[in-house]
Amino acid sequence: MANQTGRFGRRTIALFWALIVAVVIGGFIYFEQIALLYVIATLALVALMLVVAFADLESVGRENIEG
């Protein structure tokens, strides 16, 4: 099993984040803040592209993958 140093596992934390994001997006849609939703979605995509652009993928090999 994976190392669990805290109270919650990585999967549980990821589900919490997904729930929080879903609630925020649902709130924007409910309160008809579509323009703000577009701005946040654009900033999120830019952040994702920056993470991918600066990721050090050259040093990743098959032997480094834990299964």
N, C-alpha and C. Protein backbone atom coordinates (compact mmCIF):
# COMPACT_ATOMS: atom_id res chain seq x y z
N MET A 1 0.84 -1.18 0.00
CA MET A 1 0.00 0.00 0.00
C MET A 1 0.88 1.24 0.00
N ALA A 2 0.32 2.35 -0.38
CA ALA A 2 1.10 3.60 -0.45
C ALA A 2 1.39 4.13 0.95
N ASN A 3 2.46 4.92 1.04
CA ASN A 3 2.79 5.55 2.31
C ASN A 3 1.75 6.60 2.66
N GLN A 4 1.19 6.50 3.83
CA GLN A 4 0.23 7.49 4.30
C GLN A 4 0.82 8.16 5.53
N THR A 5 1.29 9.39 5.33
CA THR A 5 1.91 10.09 6.45
C THR A 5 0.88 10.91 7.21
N GLY A 6 -0.23 11.24 6.57
CA GLY A 6 -1.22 12.07 7.22
C GLY A 6 -2.48 11.30 7.56
N ARG A 7 -3.50 12.05 7.81
CA ARG A 7 -4.77 11.46 8.21
C ARG A 7 -5.52 10.89 7.01
N PHE A 8 -5.40 11.59 5.86
CA PHE A 8 -6.11 11.16 4.65
C PHE A 8 -5.11 10.72 3.60
N GLY A 9 -5.54 9.80 2.75
CA GLY A 9 -4.70 9.35 1.66
C GLY A 9 -4.73 10.32 0.50
N ARG A 10 -3.89 10.05 -0.48
CA ARG A 10 -3.82 10.93 -1.65
C ARG A 10 -5.12 10.91 -2.44
N ARG A 11 -5.74 9.75 -2.55
CA ARG A 11 -6.99 9.64 -3.31
C ARG A 11 -8.10 10.42 -2.63
N THR A 12 -8.17 10.36 -1.31
CA THR A 12 -9.20 11.08 -0.57
C THR A 12 -9.02 12.59 -0.70
N ILE A 13 -7.78 13.04 -0.64
CA ILE A 13 -7.51 14.47 -0.81
C ILE A 13 -7.89 14.91 -2.22
N ALA A 14 -7.59 14.08 -3.23
CA ALA A 14 -7.95 14.41 -4.61
C ALA A 14 -9.47 14.49 -4.76
N LEU A 15 -10.18 13.60 -4.08
CA LEU A 15 -11.65 13.65 -4.15
C LEU A 15 -12.21 14.89 -3.46
N PHE A 16 -11.58 15.29 -2.35
CA PHE A 16 -11.99 16.54 -1.68
C PHE A 16 -11.81 17.73 -2.62
N TRP A 17 -10.65 17.80 -3.29
CA TRP A 17 -10.39 18.89 -4.22
C TRP A 17 -11.41 18.89 -5.36
N ALA A 18 -11.71 17.71 -5.90
CA ALA A 18 -12.68 17.61 -6.99
C ALA A 18 -14.06 18.08 -6.52
N LEU A 19 -14.43 17.73 -5.29
CA LEU A 19 -15.71 18.16 -4.75
C LEU A 19 -15.75 19.68 -4.57
N ILE A 20 -14.67 20.25 -4.07
CA ILE A 20 -14.60 21.70 -3.88
C ILE A 20 -14.70 22.43 -5.21
N VAL A 21 -13.99 21.94 -6.22
CA VAL A 21 -14.03 22.56 -7.54
C VAL A 21 -15.43 22.45 -8.14
N ALA A 22 -16.07 21.30 -7.97
CA ALA A 22 -17.42 21.12 -8.50
C ALA A 22 -18.41 22.07 -7.82
N VAL A 23 -18.27 22.27 -6.53
CA VAL A 23 -19.16 23.18 -5.81
C VAL A 23 -18.94 24.62 -6.28
N VAL A 24 -17.69 25.01 -6.46
CA VAL A 24 -17.39 26.37 -6.92
C VAL A 24 -17.94 26.59 -8.33
N ILE A 25 -17.73 25.65 -9.23
CA ILE A 25 -18.25 25.77 -10.59
C ILE A 25 -19.78 25.79 -10.57
N GLY A 26 -20.38 24.92 -9.77
CA GLY A 26 -21.84 24.93 -9.65
C GLY A 26 -22.36 26.24 -9.10
N GLY A 27 -21.64 26.82 -8.15
CA GLY A 27 -22.04 28.13 -7.61
C GLY A 27 -21.96 29.22 -8.66
N PHE A 28 -20.90 29.21 -9.46
CA PHE A 28 -20.79 30.21 -10.53
C PHE A 28 -21.93 30.08 -11.52
N ILE A 29 -22.28 28.86 -11.87
CA ILE A 29 -23.38 28.65 -12.82
C ILE A 29 -24.71 29.05 -12.19
N TYR A 30 -24.91 28.70 -10.94
CA TYR A 30 -26.17 29.02 -10.26
C TYR A 30 -26.37 30.54 -10.14
N PHE A 31 -25.29 31.26 -9.80
CA PHE A 31 -25.40 32.71 -9.63
C PHE A 31 -25.12 33.46 -10.94
N GLU A 32 -25.08 32.72 -12.04
CA GLU A 32 -24.94 33.27 -13.39
C GLU A 32 -23.70 34.15 -13.53
N GLN A 33 -22.59 33.67 -13.02
CA GLN A 33 -21.31 34.36 -13.14
C GLN A 33 -20.45 33.67 -14.20
N ILE A 34 -21.01 33.59 -15.40
CA ILE A 34 -20.36 32.85 -16.48
C ILE A 34 -19.08 33.55 -16.93
N ALA A 35 -19.09 34.88 -16.94
CA ALA A 35 -17.89 35.62 -17.34
C ALA A 35 -16.73 35.32 -16.39
N LEU A 36 -17.02 35.28 -15.10
CA LEU A 36 -15.99 34.95 -14.12
C LEU A 36 -15.53 33.51 -14.28
N LEU A 37 -16.45 32.62 -14.63
CA LEU A 37 -16.10 31.22 -14.87
C LEU A 37 -15.16 31.10 -16.06
N TYR A 38 -15.39 31.88 -17.11
CA TYR A 38 -14.49 31.87 -18.26
C TYR A 38 -13.09 32.33 -17.87
N VAL A 39 -13.01 33.38 -17.07
CA VAL A 39 -11.71 33.91 -16.66
C VAL A 39 -10.96 32.87 -15.83
N ILE A 40 -11.63 32.24 -14.89
CA ILE A 40 -10.98 31.25 -14.03
C ILE A 40 -10.56 30.03 -14.85
N ALA A 41 -11.41 29.61 -15.80
CA ALA A 41 -11.06 28.47 -16.64
C ALA A 41 -9.84 28.78 -17.51
N THR A 42 -9.78 30.00 -18.02
CA THR A 42 -8.63 30.40 -18.84
C THR A 42 -7.35 30.42 -18.01
N LEU A 43 -7.41 30.97 -16.80
CA LEU A 43 -6.24 31.00 -15.93
C LEU A 43 -5.81 29.59 -15.54
N ALA A 44 -6.77 28.70 -15.31
CA ALA A 44 -6.44 27.32 -14.96
C ALA A 44 -5.74 26.61 -16.12
N LEU A 45 -6.21 26.86 -17.34
CA LEU A 45 -5.56 26.25 -18.50
C LEU A 45 -4.15 26.78 -18.71
N VAL A 46 -3.95 28.07 -18.49
CA VAL A 46 -2.62 28.65 -18.60
C VAL A 46 -1.70 28.03 -17.55
N ALA A 47 -2.19 27.88 -16.33
CA ALA A 47 -1.38 27.27 -15.27
C ALA A 47 -1.03 25.82 -15.62
N LEU A 48 -1.98 25.08 -16.15
CA LEU A 48 -1.72 23.69 -16.55
C LEU A 48 -0.69 23.62 -17.66
N MET A 49 -0.79 24.51 -18.65
CA MET A 49 0.19 24.52 -19.73
C MET A 49 1.58 24.89 -19.24
N LEU A 50 1.67 25.80 -18.26
CA LEU A 50 2.97 26.15 -17.70
C LEU A 50 3.59 24.98 -16.93
N VAL A 51 2.77 24.24 -16.21
CA VAL A 51 3.28 23.07 -15.48
C VAL A 51 3.80 22.04 -16.47
N VAL A 52 3.07 21.80 -17.54
CA VAL A 52 3.51 20.83 -18.54
C VAL A 52 4.76 21.33 -19.25
N ALA A 53 4.81 22.62 -19.54
CA ALA A 53 5.96 23.18 -20.27
C ALA A 53 7.24 23.08 -19.46
N PHE A 54 7.16 23.27 -18.16
CA PHE A 54 8.35 23.26 -17.32
C PHE A 54 8.61 21.91 -16.66
N ALA A 55 7.81 20.92 -16.97
CA ALA A 55 8.01 19.59 -16.39
C ALA A 55 9.29 18.98 -16.95
N ASP A 56 10.05 18.33 -16.08
CA ASP A 56 11.29 17.68 -16.49
C ASP A 56 10.97 16.25 -16.89
N LEU A 57 10.54 16.08 -18.13
CA LEU A 57 10.13 14.76 -18.59
C LEU A 57 11.29 13.98 -19.19
N GLU A 58 12.41 14.64 -19.41
CA GLU A 58 13.55 13.97 -20.01
C GLU A 58 14.16 12.93 -19.08
N SER A 59 14.13 13.19 -17.79
CA SER A 59 14.77 12.28 -16.83
C SER A 59 13.84 11.18 -16.34
N VAL A 60 12.63 11.13 -16.85
CA VAL A 60 11.68 10.10 -16.43
C VAL A 60 11.91 8.86 -17.27
N GLY A 61 12.11 7.73 -16.63
CA GLY A 61 12.33 6.49 -17.34
C GLY A 61 11.40 5.41 -16.82
N ARG A 62 11.38 4.29 -17.50
CA ARG A 62 10.52 3.18 -17.10
C ARG A 62 10.96 2.60 -15.76
N GLU A 63 12.22 2.67 -15.45
CA GLU A 63 12.70 2.07 -14.19
C GLU A 63 12.31 2.91 -12.98
N ASN A 64 11.93 4.17 -13.17
CA ASN A 64 11.55 5.03 -12.05
C ASN A 64 10.09 4.89 -11.65
N ILE A 65 9.33 4.15 -12.44
CA ILE A 65 7.89 4.00 -12.17
C ILE A 65 7.69 2.91 -11.14
N GLU A 66 6.96 3.27 -10.07
CA GLU A 66 6.63 2.28 -9.03
C GLU A 66 5.26 1.70 -9.35
N GLY A 67 5.12 0.44 -9.28
CA GLY A 67 3.84 -0.17 -9.61
C GLY A 67 3.37 -0.97 -8.52
